[in-house]
Amino acid sequence: GKTSIAASFAKLANQRIVVDCDVDASNMPLVLPHTIIQEIPFFGEKKAVISQDRCRGCGDCVIYCRFNAIKDFYVVEPVLCEGCAVCAMMCPYEAIDMVEHQSGTVVISQSDGQPFLYANMGIGEGNSGKLVSELREKAKSIAEEENYNLIIIDGPPGIGCPVIASITGTTHVLIVTEPTISGIHDLERIVQLTQHFRIPSSVCINKSDISAENRQLILNICNKNNIPVIGTIPYDEDVIRAQIAGKTVVEYSDGSASQEITKLWQTVQTMLQATIAK
């Protein structure tokens, strides 16, 4: 539900920059109509390339490669190459070069006349955390140039490098969870992460009415960690219908979920203003 909420925030905010930092699976472009302004290649790592002119076919590279990336006729398969450069170091004929490899694309666009940034990571590519950092740097640069004071980030799931890169240095993290076993498990992990980096956070319970027992477990966890629960969004099939229509929830209907998301945004605004005032 985090993308549905973040996209709705984008529609409700007057002046903002929106950044979809889920670079492995950017979904926000599906519900935010936009016009692409610029596409910037992202070179996240180097890959081995064997020079057929210098190669003598000794086979040392095949022996030393632990990823089986070197195929027939001494050609490197980029998807399998991890960029460790062991083959280049061990080649007696210096026939292997480590070459910058494009592993993704940063997309700068406009939605509703305001900046909207996202990225596409290539299939099987690495360094998604580095791509998130580059995406945020672009957003920060635009904010400084065009005098925006609000950046809304839709972060990826989990607690890995892309998540750390998404939340580092932010003013506030809104944790979206749901009353399921997996939702509770992920909530506990992200709470530990935000506390580790000392980032103020709050919680929103999505589909809050599907399990009273699990909802209470979430409230207990938040109470134990002194994290406020600032929103509860009921299960509402309008959310699904809005996605099918390619719209945000707050655009599609004035149903229960839409109303609660609007209230949630008002609360978030108040919290941000209070944090900035400090």
Protein backbone atom coordinates (compact mmCIF):
# COMPACT_ATOMS: atom_id res chain seq x y z
CA GLY A 1 0.00 0.00 0.00
CA LYS A 2 2.98 2.37 0.26
CA THR A 3 2.90 3.30 -3.44
CA SER A 4 -0.85 3.95 -3.36
CA ILE A 5 -0.39 6.24 -0.35
CA ALA A 6 2.69 8.02 -1.71
CA ALA A 7 1.01 8.61 -5.08
CA SER A 8 -2.05 10.01 -3.32
CA PHE A 9 0.19 12.31 -1.29
CA ALA A 10 1.68 13.52 -4.58
CA LYS A 11 -1.81 14.49 -5.76
CA LEU A 12 -2.74 16.16 -2.48
CA ALA A 13 0.46 18.20 -2.07
CA ASN A 14 0.48 21.68 -3.55
CA GLN A 15 4.17 21.96 -4.38
CA ARG A 16 6.40 18.92 -4.30
CA ILE A 17 8.92 16.71 -6.00
CA VAL A 18 8.02 13.02 -6.16
CA VAL A 19 10.67 10.30 -6.29
CA ASP A 20 9.98 6.59 -6.75
CA CYS A 21 13.03 4.96 -5.16
CA ASP A 22 11.83 1.39 -5.72
CA VAL A 23 14.26 1.17 -8.64
CA ASP A 24 13.89 -2.59 -9.09
CA ALA A 25 10.13 -2.30 -9.68
CA SER A 26 8.93 1.28 -10.10
CA ASN A 27 5.14 1.21 -9.91
CA MET A 28 4.33 4.86 -9.32
CA PRO A 29 4.56 5.69 -13.07
CA LEU A 30 1.52 3.44 -13.52
CA VAL A 31 -0.73 5.80 -11.53
CA LEU A 32 0.94 9.17 -12.09
CA PRO A 33 0.54 10.32 -15.71
CA HIS A 34 3.78 12.00 -16.69
CA THR A 35 5.83 13.40 -19.54
CA ILE A 36 9.45 12.25 -19.74
CA ILE A 37 11.90 15.16 -19.92
CA GLN A 38 15.24 13.35 -19.74
CA GLU A 39 16.66 9.84 -19.44
CA ILE A 40 20.12 9.56 -17.91
CA PRO A 41 22.14 6.31 -18.21
CA PHE A 42 23.30 4.87 -14.90
CA PHE A 43 26.68 3.13 -14.84
CA GLY A 44 26.72 1.26 -11.56
CA GLU A 45 29.65 -1.10 -12.09
CA LYS A 46 32.29 -2.37 -14.48
CA LYS A 47 32.12 -5.62 -16.42
CA ALA A 48 34.91 -7.67 -17.96
CA VAL A 49 35.42 -7.51 -21.70
CA ILE A 50 37.94 -9.80 -23.43
CA SER A 51 39.88 -8.33 -26.34
CA GLN A 52 39.83 -10.88 -29.14
CA ASP A 53 42.96 -9.26 -30.60
CA ARG A 54 45.04 -9.70 -27.43
CA CYS A 55 43.53 -13.00 -26.20
CA ARG A 56 45.67 -16.09 -26.76
CA GLY A 57 43.13 -18.62 -25.52
CA CYS A 58 45.19 -19.82 -22.56
CA GLY A 59 42.06 -20.47 -20.49
CA ASP A 60 43.27 -18.90 -17.23
CA CYS A 61 40.26 -16.60 -17.08
CA VAL A 62 37.87 -19.56 -17.28
CA ILE A 63 39.72 -21.25 -14.41
CA TYR A 64 39.68 -18.22 -12.12
CA CYS A 65 36.12 -17.01 -12.82
CA ARG A 66 33.88 -18.23 -9.98
CA PHE A 67 30.70 -17.10 -11.71
CA ASN A 68 31.04 -19.10 -14.94
CA ALA A 69 30.68 -15.86 -16.85
CA ILE A 70 33.21 -16.67 -19.58
CA LYS A 71 31.67 -18.68 -22.38
CA ASP A 72 32.78 -20.26 -25.64
CA PHE A 73 35.32 -18.36 -27.73
CA TYR A 74 36.29 -16.40 -24.60
CA VAL A 75 33.32 -14.05 -24.55
CA VAL A 76 32.04 -12.67 -21.23
CA GLU A 77 28.33 -12.99 -20.49
CA PRO A 78 27.47 -9.61 -18.87
CA VAL A 79 24.51 -10.94 -16.86
CA LEU A 80 26.77 -13.47 -15.11
CA CYS A 81 29.79 -11.18 -14.65
CA GLU A 82 29.94 -9.74 -11.11
CA GLY A 83 32.65 -7.22 -11.97
CA CYS A 84 35.16 -8.66 -9.48
CA ALA A 85 38.04 -8.18 -11.99
CA VAL A 86 39.85 -11.38 -10.95
CA CYS A 87 40.05 -12.50 -14.58
CA ALA A 88 41.62 -9.17 -15.61
CA MET A 89 44.20 -9.41 -12.82
CA MET A 90 45.14 -13.00 -13.64
CA CYS A 91 45.28 -12.74 -17.45
CA PRO A 92 48.96 -13.15 -18.47
CA TYR A 93 48.36 -11.31 -21.76
CA GLU A 94 46.45 -8.33 -20.30
CA ALA A 95 43.67 -9.14 -22.72
CA ILE A 96 40.80 -8.30 -20.36
CA ASP A 97 39.52 -4.78 -19.69
CA MET A 98 37.05 -3.69 -17.04
CA VAL A 99 34.56 -1.47 -18.87
CA GLU A 100 31.80 0.77 -17.48
CA HIS A 101 28.49 -1.02 -17.84
CA GLN A 102 25.06 0.62 -18.01
CA SER A 103 22.90 -1.11 -15.44
CA GLY A 104 19.95 1.26 -15.30
CA THR A 105 18.37 4.57 -16.25
CA VAL A 106 17.35 7.62 -14.23
CA VAL A 107 14.14 9.16 -15.59
CA ILE A 108 13.30 12.81 -15.00
CA SER A 109 9.71 13.65 -15.87
CA GLN A 110 6.87 15.98 -14.99
CA SER A 111 3.52 15.01 -13.50
CA ASP A 112 0.89 17.70 -13.03
CA GLY A 113 3.53 20.21 -14.09
CA GLN A 114 5.88 19.26 -11.24
CA PRO A 115 9.02 17.09 -11.08
CA PHE A 116 8.59 13.33 -10.89
CA LEU A 117 11.69 11.15 -10.85
CA TYR A 118 12.06 7.40 -11.03
CA ALA A 119 14.57 4.85 -12.28
CA ASN A 120 14.65 1.55 -14.10
CA MET A 121 17.23 -1.00 -12.97
CA GLY A 122 18.20 -3.54 -15.61
CA ILE A 123 17.24 -7.19 -15.13
CA GLY A 124 19.78 -8.99 -12.98
CA GLU A 125 21.83 -5.84 -12.37
CA GLY A 126 23.36 -4.86 -9.04
CA ASN A 127 24.07 -1.68 -7.06
CA SER A 128 20.43 -0.66 -6.71
CA GLY A 129 21.37 1.27 -3.56
CA LYS A 130 23.81 3.37 -5.59
CA LEU A 131 21.10 4.06 -8.17
CA VAL A 132 18.73 5.20 -5.40
CA SER A 133 21.41 7.58 -4.12
CA GLU A 134 21.92 9.03 -7.60
CA LEU A 135 18.15 9.40 -8.03
CA ARG A 136 17.88 11.31 -4.76
CA GLU A 137 20.82 13.54 -5.68
CA LYS A 138 19.06 14.50 -8.91
CA ALA A 139 15.88 15.30 -6.96
CA LYS A 140 17.81 17.37 -4.42
CA SER A 141 19.51 19.31 -7.22
CA ILE A 142 16.15 20.09 -8.86
CA ALA A 143 14.69 21.11 -5.49
CA GLU A 144 17.52 23.59 -4.93
CA GLU A 145 17.35 24.99 -8.46
CA GLU A 146 13.56 25.37 -8.55
CA ASN A 147 12.92 26.21 -4.87
CA TYR A 148 10.98 23.13 -3.83
CA ASN A 149 10.95 22.44 -0.08
CA LEU A 150 9.14 19.09 -0.13
CA ILE A 151 10.31 15.79 -1.61
CA ILE A 152 7.98 12.80 -1.31
CA ILE A 153 9.81 9.48 -1.64
CA ASP A 154 8.18 6.12 -2.33
CA GLY A 155 10.72 3.71 -0.89
CA PRO A 156 11.33 0.05 -1.73
CA PRO A 157 10.31 -2.80 0.58
CA GLY A 158 12.63 -4.53 3.02
CA ILE A 159 15.64 -3.17 4.93
CA GLY A 160 18.46 -3.61 2.39
CA CYS A 161 20.75 -1.10 0.68
CA PRO A 162 18.00 0.52 -1.46
CA VAL A 163 15.91 1.17 1.66
CA ILE A 164 18.85 2.60 3.59
CA ALA A 165 19.68 4.84 0.62
CA SER A 166 16.02 5.92 0.45
CA ILE A 167 15.62 6.99 4.09
CA THR A 168 19.07 8.33 4.97
CA GLY A 169 18.92 12.04 5.72
CA THR A 170 15.13 12.31 5.42
CA THR A 171 13.02 14.44 7.75
CA HIS A 172 10.47 11.75 8.48
CA VAL A 173 9.67 8.14 7.56
CA LEU A 174 6.06 7.00 7.30
CA ILE A 175 6.03 3.23 7.75
CA VAL A 176 3.12 1.56 5.96
CA THR A 177 2.23 -1.83 7.38
CA GLU A 178 -0.75 -4.18 7.41
CA PRO A 179 -2.18 -6.60 10.00
CA THR A 180 -0.66 -9.77 8.58
CA ILE A 181 2.19 -11.95 9.83
CA SER A 182 4.53 -10.80 7.07
CA GLY A 183 3.47 -7.19 7.60
CA ILE A 184 4.27 -7.37 11.31
CA HIS A 185 7.63 -9.02 10.61
CA ASP A 186 8.62 -6.29 8.15
CA LEU A 187 7.38 -3.58 10.54
CA GLU A 188 9.68 -4.79 13.31
CA ARG A 189 12.66 -4.75 10.95
CA ILE A 190 12.05 -1.28 9.52
CA VAL A 191 11.44 0.12 13.02
CA GLN A 192 14.88 -1.15 14.03
CA LEU A 193 16.37 0.46 10.93
CA THR A 194 14.83 3.90 11.49
CA GLN A 195 15.82 3.81 15.15
CA HIS A 196 19.38 2.87 14.21
CA PHE A 197 19.65 5.92 11.94
CA ARG A 198 17.68 8.07 14.43
CA ILE A 199 15.11 9.12 11.86
CA PRO A 200 11.72 10.24 13.22
CA SER A 201 9.02 7.84 12.09
CA SER A 202 5.33 7.08 12.38
CA VAL A 203 3.11 4.20 11.30
CA CYS A 204 0.07 3.84 9.10
CA ILE A 205 -1.90 0.58 9.20
CA ASN A 206 -3.24 -0.27 5.76
CA LYS A 207 -6.21 -2.67 5.44
CA SER A 208 -6.53 -2.15 9.17
CA ASP A 209 -9.81 -4.03 9.53
CA ILE A 210 -8.80 -7.42 8.12
CA SER A 211 -7.50 -8.77 11.46
CA ALA A 212 -8.27 -7.24 14.85
CA GLU A 213 -5.74 -9.53 16.56
CA ASN A 214 -2.85 -8.58 14.29
CA ARG A 215 -3.84 -4.94 14.40
CA GLN A 216 -3.48 -5.03 18.16
CA LEU A 217 -0.04 -6.63 17.81
CA ILE A 218 1.01 -3.70 15.59
CA LEU A 219 -0.30 -1.21 18.15
CA ASN A 220 1.66 -3.01 20.88
CA ILE A 221 4.87 -2.88 18.85
CA CYS A 222 4.42 0.82 18.15
CA ASN A 223 3.62 1.58 21.78
CA LYS A 224 6.70 -0.35 22.94
CA ASN A 225 8.92 1.64 20.54
CA ASN A 226 7.23 5.01 21.14
CA ILE A 227 6.17 5.29 17.50
CA PRO A 228 2.83 7.02 16.87
CA VAL A 229 0.19 5.35 14.74
CA ILE A 230 -1.12 8.31 12.75
CA GLY A 231 -3.45 6.58 10.30
CA THR A 232 -5.62 3.51 9.80
CA ILE A 233 -6.90 2.78 6.30
CA PRO A 234 -9.72 0.22 5.96
CA TYR A 235 -9.84 -2.39 3.23
CA ASP A 236 -11.50 -0.74 0.25
CA GLU A 237 -11.92 -2.29 -3.20
CA ASP A 238 -11.78 1.22 -4.68
CA VAL A 239 -8.02 0.97 -4.21
CA ILE A 240 -7.92 -1.93 -6.67
CA ARG A 241 -10.28 -0.20 -9.07
CA ALA A 242 -8.14 2.94 -8.97
CA GLN A 243 -5.04 0.94 -9.88
CA ILE A 244 -6.83 -0.68 -12.80
CA ALA A 245 -7.94 2.76 -13.97
CA GLY A 246 -4.37 4.08 -13.66
CA LYS A 247 -5.35 6.68 -11.07
CA THR A 248 -4.52 7.48 -7.47
CA VAL A 249 -7.06 6.51 -4.83
CA VAL A 250 -7.89 10.12 -3.92
CA GLU A 251 -8.62 10.92 -7.57
CA TYR A 252 -10.73 7.85 -8.20
CA SER A 253 -13.24 8.03 -5.38
CA ASP A 254 -14.27 9.64 -2.12
CA GLY A 255 -14.58 6.27 -0.41
CA SER A 256 -13.35 5.20 3.00
CA ALA A 257 -9.74 4.63 1.96
CA SER A 258 -9.59 7.93 0.08
CA GLN A 259 -10.94 9.84 3.07
CA GLU A 260 -8.47 8.24 5.48
CA ILE A 261 -5.51 8.89 3.16
CA THR A 262 -6.55 12.55 2.95
CA LYS A 263 -6.67 12.77 6.76
CA LEU A 264 -3.31 10.99 6.92
CA TRP A 265 -1.74 13.55 4.58
CA GLN A 266 -3.03 16.40 6.75
CA THR A 267 -1.46 14.76 9.81
CA VAL A 268 1.84 14.21 8.00
CA GLN A 269 1.92 17.87 6.95
CA THR A 270 1.41 18.97 10.56
CA MET A 271 4.19 16.65 11.77
CA LEU A 272 6.61 17.89 9.10
CA GLN A 273 5.92 21.50 9.96
CA ALA A 274 6.51 20.78 13.64
CA THR A 275 9.77 18.97 12.88
CA ILE A 276 11.04 21.80 10.67
CA ALA A 277 10.08 24.39 13.31
CA LYS A 278 12.44 22.69 15.76
